[in-house]
Amino acid sequence: MNNLAMPKPASFAATNAVFVGRSIRHSLRNIESLMMAIMLPVMLMLLFTYIFGGALDPSGNYVNYVVPGIILLCAGFGSSSTAVDVATDMTNGIINRFRTMPISSISVITGHVAASLARNLLATCMVIGVALLVGFRPNATFIEWLGAIGLIILFILTFTWLFAAIGLVTGSPSAASGYGFALLFLPYLSSAFVPTNTMPSWMQGFANHQPITPVIETIRGLLMGTPVLNNGWWAVGWCVTLLIIAIGWCLLSFRRKSGK
């Protein structure tokens, strides 16, 4: 009697490449969601620049202040769809199919994260392009641009893993969308749109010490030449800490739900 050979497990790199491609194809088919992730931050930037900007900064330079916050807002909106995508996969039964294959099924999550990172970088480039058209004039050197882009990528990666974790622990895509939406309020309670010292005293403590503010101040400092001070260390520290927590949360939640 011939023994049937067990199928050789696919490599980690090959598995992730397949799932990244799968998530990117899903994104291309859902063009409305991609366009909204780009158009909403752009509309907010135009709203604050042309309608509120004159009152907030009569000199007309408000666009230079607000763009770093809009960039992070764009990243947040783009990353939030990851929670819905992950929750959909966890509730429609496809994970059970993946478990029968000789693959690491956690790659379905890393695929969503990688595809979201690519989508968000595209959206961020488009937002910066529109900002330049409406008067954004950064004075950063090449090295400072690299530093700002690196921090933006780290921030997007962190928030994407956080939204992936939310998608894993919620019971449905609609619940994932609702819970994830709460994170999108953080930029409004930061220095994204106004300096924190203009806020009520009871709110300044939270606004100054939440993760978004040092990230925005670091990007603003790198692009516009304002003082970065200790914000750079706090920005990287917050992002790395939250990223480690989010990845660990995802791994534990996935194993508990999928059994693999």
C-alpha atoms as a PDB file:
ATOM      1  CA  MET A   1       0.000   0.000   0.000  1.00  0.00           C
ATOM      2  CA  ASN A   2       1.510   3.314  -1.080  1.00  0.00           C
ATOM      3  CA  ASN A   3       1.706   6.061   1.478  1.00  0.00           C
ATOM      4  CA  LEU A   4       0.309   9.353   0.312  1.00  0.00           C
ATOM      5  CA  ALA A   5       2.835  12.125   0.598  1.00  0.00           C
ATOM      6  CA  MET A   6       1.791  14.978   2.829  1.00  0.00           C
ATOM      7  CA  PRO A   7       1.654  18.285   0.978  1.00  0.00           C
ATOM      8  CA  LYS A   8       4.619  20.487   1.671  1.00  0.00           C
ATOM      9  CA  PRO A   9       3.599  23.629   3.571  1.00  0.00           C
ATOM     10  CA  ALA A  10       3.893  26.834   1.590  1.00  0.00           C
ATOM     11  CA  SER A  11       6.655  29.186   2.663  1.00  0.00           C
ATOM     12  CA  PHE A  12       5.829  32.168   4.828  1.00  0.00           C
ATOM     13  CA  ALA A  13       6.887  34.587   2.068  1.00  0.00           C
ATOM     14  CA  ALA A  14       4.839  32.828  -0.622  1.00  0.00           C
ATOM     15  CA  THR A  15       1.762  32.666   1.603  1.00  0.00           C
ATOM     16  CA  ASN A  16       1.965  36.342   2.472  1.00  0.00           C
ATOM     17  CA  ALA A  17       2.497  37.305  -1.173  1.00  0.00           C
ATOM     18  CA  VAL A  18      -0.701  35.471  -2.117  1.00  0.00           C
ATOM     19  CA  PHE A  19      -2.743  37.117   0.637  1.00  0.00           C
ATOM     20  CA  VAL A  20      -1.346  40.574  -0.082  1.00  0.00           C
ATOM     21  CA  GLY A  21      -2.335  40.123  -3.725  1.00  0.00           C
ATOM     22  CA  ARG A  22      -5.782  38.972  -2.633  1.00  0.00           C
ATOM     23  CA  SER A  23      -6.296  42.053  -0.445  1.00  0.00           C
ATOM     24  CA  ILE A  24      -5.063  44.414  -3.152  1.00  0.00           C
ATOM     25  CA  ARG A  25      -7.491  42.885  -5.665  1.00  0.00           C
ATOM     26  CA  HIS A  26     -10.312  43.386  -3.162  1.00  0.00           C
ATOM     27  CA  SER A  27      -9.261  47.034  -2.802  1.00  0.00           C
ATOM     28  CA  LEU A  28      -9.271  47.576  -6.560  1.00  0.00           C
ATOM     29  CA  ARG A  29     -12.764  46.097  -6.774  1.00  0.00           C
ATOM     30  CA  ASN A  30     -13.987  48.403  -3.981  1.00  0.00           C
ATOM     31  CA  ILE A  31     -12.930  51.613  -5.682  1.00  0.00           C
ATOM     32  CA  GLU A  32     -15.620  53.644  -3.860  1.00  0.00           C
ATOM     33  CA  SER A  33     -14.014  52.946  -0.489  1.00  0.00           C
ATOM     34  CA  LEU A  34     -10.572  53.873  -1.815  1.00  0.00           C
ATOM     35  CA  MET A  35     -11.850  57.119  -3.310  1.00  0.00           C
ATOM     36  CA  MET A  36     -13.625  58.046  -0.074  1.00  0.00           C
ATOM     37  CA  ALA A  37     -10.430  57.464   1.914  1.00  0.00           C
ATOM     38  CA  ILE A  38      -8.757  60.015  -0.370  1.00  0.00           C
ATOM     39  CA  MET A  39     -11.577  62.491  -0.960  1.00  0.00           C
ATOM     40  CA  LEU A  40     -12.705  62.929   2.651  1.00  0.00           C
ATOM     41  CA  PRO A  41      -9.322  64.182   3.954  1.00  0.00           C
ATOM     42  CA  VAL A  42      -8.949  66.370   0.866  1.00  0.00           C
ATOM     43  CA  MET A  43     -12.381  67.915   1.453  1.00  0.00           C
ATOM     44  CA  LEU A  44     -11.535  68.503   5.115  1.00  0.00           C
ATOM     45  CA  MET A  45      -8.280  70.193   4.112  1.00  0.00           C
ATOM     46  CA  LEU A  46     -10.117  72.473   1.671  1.00  0.00           C
ATOM     47  CA  LEU A  47     -12.777  73.172   4.304  1.00  0.00           C
ATOM     48  CA  PHE A  48     -10.276  74.177   6.982  1.00  0.00           C
ATOM     49  CA  THR A  49      -8.037  76.064   4.550  1.00  0.00           C
ATOM     50  CA  TYR A  50     -10.624  78.158   2.704  1.00  0.00           C
ATOM     51  CA  ILE A  51     -13.510  78.436   5.185  1.00  0.00           C
ATOM     52  CA  PHE A  52     -12.012  78.258   8.683  1.00  0.00           C
ATOM     53  CA  GLY A  53      -8.414  79.157   7.822  1.00  0.00           C
ATOM     54  CA  GLY A  54      -9.008  82.894   7.588  1.00  0.00           C
ATOM     55  CA  ALA A  55     -10.403  83.013  11.116  1.00  0.00           C
ATOM     56  CA  LEU A  56      -7.786  80.675  12.577  1.00  0.00           C
ATOM     57  CA  ASP A  57      -4.807  82.347  10.862  1.00  0.00           C
ATOM     58  CA  PRO A  58      -5.522  85.677   9.086  1.00  0.00           C
ATOM     59  CA  SER A  59      -2.012  85.633   7.570  1.00  0.00           C
ATOM     60  CA  GLY A  60      -3.116  82.924   5.127  1.00  0.00           C
ATOM     61  CA  ASN A  61      -0.508  80.392   6.257  1.00  0.00           C
ATOM     62  CA  TYR A  62      -2.972  78.059   7.934  1.00  0.00           C
ATOM     63  CA  VAL A  63      -2.556  75.480   5.167  1.00  0.00           C
ATOM     64  CA  ASN A  64       1.060  74.986   6.275  1.00  0.00           C
ATOM     65  CA  TYR A  65      -0.140  74.291   9.805  1.00  0.00           C
ATOM     66  CA  VAL A  66      -3.025  71.977   9.001  1.00  0.00           C
ATOM     67  CA  VAL A  67      -1.528  69.683   6.347  1.00  0.00           C
ATOM     68  CA  PRO A  68       0.443  67.425   8.760  1.00  0.00           C
ATOM     69  CA  GLY A  69      -2.759  66.765  10.693  1.00  0.00           C
ATOM     70  CA  ILE A  70      -4.687  66.082   7.492  1.00  0.00           C
ATOM     71  CA  ILE A  71      -2.015  63.556   6.465  1.00  0.00           C
ATOM     72  CA  LEU A  72      -2.557  61.578   9.675  1.00  0.00           C
ATOM     73  CA  LEU A  73      -6.323  61.939   9.353  1.00  0.00           C
ATOM     74  CA  CYS A  74      -6.026  60.465   5.853  1.00  0.00           C
ATOM     75  CA  ALA A  75      -3.996  57.563   7.259  1.00  0.00           C
ATOM     76  CA  GLY A  76      -6.616  56.933   9.923  1.00  0.00           C
ATOM     77  CA  PHE A  77      -9.517  56.889   7.476  1.00  0.00           C
ATOM     78  CA  GLY A  78      -7.626  54.597   5.133  1.00  0.00           C
ATOM     79  CA  SER A  79      -6.609  52.196   7.884  1.00  0.00           C
ATOM     80  CA  SER A  80     -10.121  51.957   9.336  1.00  0.00           C
ATOM     81  CA  SER A  81     -11.324  49.805   6.435  1.00  0.00           C
ATOM     82  CA  THR A  82      -8.916  47.087   7.634  1.00  0.00           C
ATOM     83  CA  ALA A  83     -11.155  46.439  10.644  1.00  0.00           C
ATOM     84  CA  VAL A  84     -14.126  45.784   8.363  1.00  0.00           C
ATOM     85  CA  ASP A  85     -12.128  43.595   5.961  1.00  0.00           C
ATOM     86  CA  VAL A  86     -10.704  41.463   8.781  1.00  0.00           C
ATOM     87  CA  ALA A  87     -14.095  41.127  10.485  1.00  0.00           C
ATOM     88  CA  THR A  88     -15.639  40.042   7.183  1.00  0.00           C
ATOM     89  CA  ASP A  89     -13.065  37.269   6.746  1.00  0.00           C
ATOM     90  CA  MET A  90     -13.529  36.129  10.345  1.00  0.00           C
ATOM     91  CA  THR A  91     -17.314  35.859  10.047  1.00  0.00           C
ATOM     92  CA  ASN A  92     -17.933  34.544   6.520  1.00  0.00           C
ATOM     93  CA  GLY A  93     -16.337  31.130   7.050  1.00  0.00           C
ATOM     94  CA  ILE A  94     -13.347  31.537   4.778  1.00  0.00           C
ATOM     95  CA  ILE A  95     -10.897  31.202   7.695  1.00  0.00           C
ATOM     96  CA  ASN A  96     -12.139  27.625   8.213  1.00  0.00           C
ATOM     97  CA  ARG A  97     -11.210  26.897   4.600  1.00  0.00           C
ATOM     98  CA  PHE A  98      -7.745  28.376   5.062  1.00  0.00           C
ATOM     99  CA  ARG A  99      -7.224  26.201   8.149  1.00  0.00           C
ATOM    100  CA  THR A 100      -7.484  23.060   6.023  1.00  0.00           C
ATOM    101  CA  MET A 101      -4.619  24.214   3.797  1.00  0.00           C
ATOM    102  CA  PRO A 102      -0.901  23.723   4.479  1.00  0.00           C
ATOM    103  CA  ILE A 103      -0.409  27.444   5.095  1.00  0.00           C
ATOM    104  CA  SER A 104      -0.091  29.827   8.005  1.00  0.00           C
ATOM    105  CA  SER A 105      -3.611  31.229   8.080  1.00  0.00           C
ATOM    106  CA  ILE A 106      -2.515  34.290  10.085  1.00  0.00           C
ATOM    107  CA  SER A 107      -1.185  35.482   6.723  1.00  0.00           C
ATOM    108  CA  VAL A 108      -4.723  36.549   5.865  1.00  0.00           C
ATOM    109  CA  ILE A 109      -4.276  39.307   8.475  1.00  0.00           C
ATOM    110  CA  THR A 110      -0.796  40.323   7.340  1.00  0.00           C
ATOM    111  CA  GLY A 111      -2.148  40.445   3.791  1.00  0.00           C
ATOM    112  CA  HIS A 112      -4.812  42.947   4.825  1.00  0.00           C
ATOM    113  CA  VAL A 113      -2.215  45.021   6.700  1.00  0.00           C
ATOM    114  CA  ALA A 114       0.232  45.136   3.781  1.00  0.00           C
ATOM    115  CA  ALA A 115      -2.486  46.027   1.275  1.00  0.00           C
ATOM    116  CA  SER A 116      -3.790  48.758   3.592  1.00  0.00           C
ATOM    117  CA  LEU A 117      -0.279  50.186   3.909  1.00  0.00           C
ATOM    118  CA  ALA A 118       0.011  50.369   0.105  1.00  0.00           C
ATOM    119  CA  ARG A 119      -3.430  52.007  -0.218  1.00  0.00           C
ATOM    120  CA  ASN A 120      -2.649  54.546   2.465  1.00  0.00           C
ATOM    121  CA  LEU A 121       0.685  55.525   0.996  1.00  0.00           C
ATOM    122  CA  LEU A 122      -1.037  56.164  -2.347  1.00  0.00           C
ATOM    123  CA  ALA A 123      -3.736  58.227  -0.621  1.00  0.00           C
ATOM    124  CA  THR A 124      -1.122  60.172   1.363  1.00  0.00           C
ATOM    125  CA  CYS A 125       0.788  61.053  -1.818  1.00  0.00           C
ATOM    126  CA  MET A 126      -2.402  62.330  -3.415  1.00  0.00           C
ATOM    127  CA  VAL A 127      -3.307  64.402  -0.343  1.00  0.00           C
ATOM    128  CA  ILE A 128       0.184  65.969  -0.304  1.00  0.00           C
ATOM    129  CA  GLY A 129      -0.139  66.683  -4.026  1.00  0.00           C
ATOM    130  CA  VAL A 130      -3.446  68.521  -3.522  1.00  0.00           C
ATOM    131  CA  ALA A 131      -1.958  70.368  -0.540  1.00  0.00           C
ATOM    132  CA  LEU A 132       0.876  71.655  -2.740  1.00  0.00           C
ATOM    133  CA  LEU A 133      -1.696  72.901  -5.247  1.00  0.00           C
ATOM    134  CA  VAL A 134      -3.581  74.899  -2.588  1.00  0.00           C
ATOM    135  CA  GLY A 135      -0.486  76.572  -1.149  1.00  0.00           C
ATOM    136  CA  PHE A 136       1.337  74.106   1.105  1.00  0.00           C
ATOM    137  CA  ARG A 137       4.998  75.114   1.026  1.00  0.00           C
ATOM    138  CA  PRO A 138       7.278  72.837   3.080  1.00  0.00           C
ATOM    139  CA  ASN A 139      10.917  73.842   3.456  1.00  0.00           C
ATOM    140  CA  ALA A 140      12.248  70.399   4.383  1.00  0.00           C
ATOM    141  CA  THR A 141      15.535  69.013   3.140  1.00  0.00           C
ATOM    142  CA  PHE A 142      15.745  65.609   1.481  1.00  0.00           C
ATOM    143  CA  ILE A 143      16.755  63.976   4.775  1.00  0.00           C
ATOM    144  CA  GLU A 144      13.870  65.673   6.604  1.00  0.00           C
ATOM    145  CA  TRP A 145      11.433  64.443   3.952  1.00  0.00           C
ATOM    146  CA  LEU A 146      12.765  60.920   4.458  1.00  0.00           C
ATOM    147  CA  GLY A 147      12.297  61.254   8.212  1.00  0.00           C
ATOM    148  CA  ALA A 148       8.731  62.519   7.802  1.00  0.00           C
ATOM    149  CA  ILE A 149       7.835  59.775   5.328  1.00  0.00           C
ATOM    150  CA  GLY A 150       9.367  57.129   7.591  1.00  0.00           C
ATOM    151  CA  LEU A 151       7.307  58.340  10.550  1.00  0.00           C
ATOM    152  CA  ILE A 152       4.141  58.425   8.414  1.00  0.00           C
ATOM    153  CA  ILE A 153       4.763  54.819   7.333  1.00  0.00           C
ATOM    154  CA  LEU A 154       5.315  53.770  10.960  1.00  0.00           C
ATOM    155  CA  PHE A 155       2.113  55.547  12.009  1.00  0.00           C
ATOM    156  CA  ILE A 156       0.083  53.935   9.205  1.00  0.00           C
ATOM    157  CA  LEU A 157       1.469  50.504  10.078  1.00  0.00           C
ATOM    158  CA  THR A 158       0.631  50.994  13.758  1.00  0.00           C
ATOM    159  CA  PHE A 159      -2.932  52.128  13.158  1.00  0.00           C
ATOM    160  CA  THR A 160      -3.520  49.411  10.562  1.00  0.00           C
ATOM    161  CA  TRP A 161      -2.549  46.682  13.039  1.00  0.00           C
ATOM    162  CA  LEU A 162      -4.772  48.332  15.674  1.00  0.00           C
ATOM    163  CA  PHE A 163      -7.731  48.288  13.286  1.00  0.00           C
ATOM    164  CA  ALA A 164      -6.920  44.683  12.354  1.00  0.00           C
ATOM    165  CA  ALA A 165      -7.090  43.764  16.050  1.00  0.00           C
ATOM    166  CA  ILE A 166     -10.441  45.527  16.354  1.00  0.00           C
ATOM    167  CA  GLY A 167     -11.715  43.552  13.376  1.00  0.00           C
ATOM    168  CA  LEU A 168     -10.620  40.318  15.038  1.00  0.00           C
ATOM    169  CA  VAL A 169     -12.315  40.884  18.383  1.00  0.00           C
ATOM    170  CA  THR A 170     -15.625  42.262  17.124  1.00  0.00           C
ATOM    171  CA  GLY A 171     -18.492  40.044  16.123  1.00  0.00           C
ATOM    172  CA  SER A 172     -19.412  41.565  12.774  1.00  0.00           C
ATOM    173  CA  PRO A 173     -18.150  44.009  10.106  1.00  0.00           C
ATOM    174  CA  SER A 174     -20.672  46.655  11.217  1.00  0.00           C
ATOM    175  CA  ALA A 175     -19.470  46.412  14.826  1.00  0.00           C
ATOM    176  CA  ALA A 176     -15.854  46.651  13.652  1.00  0.00           C
ATOM    177  CA  SER A 177     -16.702  49.805  11.712  1.00  0.00           C
ATOM    178  CA  GLY A 178     -18.369  51.346  14.759  1.00  0.00           C
ATOM    179  CA  TYR A 179     -15.628  50.551  17.260  1.00  0.00           C
ATOM    180  CA  GLY A 180     -12.880  51.543  14.838  1.00  0.00           C
ATOM    181  CA  PHE A 181     -14.525  54.893  14.200  1.00  0.00           C
ATOM    182  CA  ALA A 182     -13.729  55.919  17.788  1.00  0.00           C
ATOM    183  CA  LEU A 183      -9.999  56.023  16.963  1.00  0.00           C
ATOM    184  CA  LEU A 184     -10.663  58.528  14.196  1.00  0.00           C
ATOM    185  CA  PHE A 185     -11.586  61.189  16.767  1.00  0.00           C
ATOM    186  CA  LEU A 186      -8.049  61.307  18.199  1.00  0.00           C
ATOM    187  CA  PRO A 187      -6.687  63.764  15.577  1.00  0.00           C
ATOM    188  CA  TYR A 188      -9.428  66.242  16.507  1.00  0.00           C
ATOM    189  CA  LEU A 189      -8.268  66.122  20.146  1.00  0.00           C
ATOM    190  CA  SER A 190      -4.663  66.893  19.246  1.00  0.00           C
ATOM    191  CA  SER A 191      -2.648  69.720  17.714  1.00  0.00           C
ATOM    192  CA  ALA A 192      -3.798  68.730  14.223  1.00  0.00           C
ATOM    193  CA  PHE A 193      -6.083  71.721  13.647  1.00  0.00           C
ATOM    194  CA  VAL A 194      -5.322  74.194  16.454  1.00  0.00           C
ATOM    195  CA  PRO A 195      -2.500  74.562  18.994  1.00  0.00           C
ATOM    196  CA  THR A 196      -3.262  72.671  22.178  1.00  0.00           C
ATOM    197  CA  ASN A 197      -2.714  75.796  24.294  1.00  0.00           C
ATOM    198  CA  THR A 198      -5.917  77.255  22.810  1.00  0.00           C
ATOM    199  CA  MET A 199      -7.977  74.392  24.246  1.00  0.00           C
ATOM    200  CA  PRO A 200      -9.662  74.384  27.669  1.00  0.00           C
ATOM    201  CA  SER A 201      -7.169  73.629  30.440  1.00  0.00           C
ATOM    202  CA  TRP A 202      -8.880  70.348  31.341  1.00  0.00           C
ATOM    203  CA  MET A 203      -8.433  69.128  27.751  1.00  0.00           C
ATOM    204  CA  GLN A 204      -4.845  70.268  27.253  1.00  0.00           C
ATOM    205  CA  GLY A 205      -3.435  67.483  29.424  1.00  0.00           C
ATOM    206  CA  PHE A 206      -5.001  64.802  27.241  1.00  0.00           C
ATOM    207  CA  ALA A 207      -4.237  66.584  23.967  1.00  0.00           C
ATOM    208  CA  ASN A 208      -0.560  67.057  24.842  1.00  0.00           C
ATOM    209  CA  HIS A 209       0.040  63.489  25.996  1.00  0.00           C
ATOM    210  CA  GLN A 210      -1.983  61.372  23.593  1.00  0.00           C
ATOM    211  CA  PRO A 211      -0.073  59.558  20.771  1.00  0.00           C
ATOM    212  CA  ILE A 212      -1.262  61.715  17.845  1.00  0.00           C
ATOM    213  CA  THR A 213       0.106  65.062  19.034  1.00  0.00           C
ATOM    214  CA  PRO A 214       3.844  64.187  19.121  1.00  0.00           C
ATOM    215  CA  VAL A 215       3.535  62.470  15.730  1.00  0.00           C
ATOM    216  CA  ILE A 216       1.934  65.566  14.202  1.00  0.00           C
ATOM    217  CA  GLU A 217       4.409  67.937  15.851  1.00  0.00           C
ATOM    218  CA  THR A 218       7.327  65.836  14.612  1.00  0.00           C
ATOM    219  CA  ILE A 219       6.029  65.762  11.029  1.00  0.00           C
ATOM    220  CA  ARG A 220       5.260  69.489  11.220  1.00  0.00           C
ATOM    221  CA  GLY A 221       8.747  70.185  12.526  1.00  0.00           C
ATOM    222  CA  LEU A 222      10.438  68.110   9.836  1.00  0.00           C
ATOM    223  CA  LEU A 223       8.431  69.612   6.985  1.00  0.00           C
ATOM    224  CA  MET A 224       8.005  73.205   8.168  1.00  0.00           C
ATOM    225  CA  GLY A 225      11.066  73.796  10.333  1.00  0.00           C
ATOM    226  CA  THR A 226       9.230  74.255  13.650  1.00  0.00           C
ATOM    227  CA  PRO A 227      10.972  72.951  16.805  1.00  0.00           C
ATOM    228  CA  VAL A 228      10.688  69.168  17.179  1.00  0.00           C
ATOM    229  CA  LEU A 229      12.144  69.055  20.722  1.00  0.00           C
ATOM    230  CA  ASN A 230      11.335  65.723  22.411  1.00  0.00           C
ATOM    231  CA  ASN A 231       8.340  65.063  20.158  1.00  0.00           C
ATOM    232  CA  GLY A 232      10.381  62.862  17.838  1.00  0.00           C
ATOM    233  CA  TRP A 233      11.290  60.399  20.596  1.00  0.00           C
ATOM    234  CA  TRP A 234       7.738  60.396  21.944  1.00  0.00           C
ATOM    235  CA  ALA A 235       6.298  59.868  18.450  1.00  0.00           C
ATOM    236  CA  VAL A 236       8.506  56.868  17.686  1.00  0.00           C
ATOM    237  CA  GLY A 237       8.068  55.485  21.207  1.00  0.00           C
ATOM    238  CA  TRP A 238       4.278  55.699  21.068  1.00  0.00           C
ATOM    239  CA  CYS A 239       4.123  54.131  17.604  1.00  0.00           C
ATOM    240  CA  VAL A 240       6.518  51.261  18.393  1.00  0.00           C
ATOM    241  CA  THR A 241       4.792  50.496  21.706  1.00  0.00           C
ATOM    242  CA  LEU A 242       1.322  50.509  20.174  1.00  0.00           C
ATOM    243  CA  LEU A 243       2.550  48.470  17.208  1.00  0.00           C
ATOM    244  CA  ILE A 244       3.934  45.739  19.495  1.00  0.00           C
ATOM    245  CA  ILE A 245       0.700  45.705  21.505  1.00  0.00           C
ATOM    246  CA  ALA A 246      -1.448  45.585  18.361  1.00  0.00           C
ATOM    247  CA  ILE A 247       0.521  42.729  16.770  1.00  0.00           C
ATOM    248  CA  GLY A 248       0.436  40.733  20.005  1.00  0.00           C
ATOM    249  CA  TRP A 249      -3.289  41.408  20.342  1.00  0.00           C
ATOM    250  CA  CYS A 250      -3.853  40.225  16.775  1.00  0.00           C
ATOM    251  CA  LEU A 251      -1.867  37.008  17.237  1.00  0.00           C
ATOM    252  CA  LEU A 252      -3.630  36.068  20.477  1.00  0.00           C
ATOM    253  CA  SER A 253      -7.100  36.949  19.146  1.00  0.00           C
ATOM    254  CA  PHE A 254      -6.542  35.079  15.867  1.00  0.00           C
ATOM    255  CA  ARG A 255      -5.360  31.915  17.607  1.00  0.00           C
ATOM    256  CA  ARG A 256      -8.303  32.049  20.010  1.00  0.00           C
ATOM    257  CA  LYS A 257     -10.838  32.486  17.220  1.00  0.00           C
ATOM    258  CA  SER A 258      -9.351  30.282  14.520  1.00  0.00           C
ATOM    259  CA  GLY A 259      -7.594  27.669  16.597  1.00  0.00           C
ATOM    260  CA  LYS A 260      -4.458  28.054  14.452  1.00  0.00           C
END
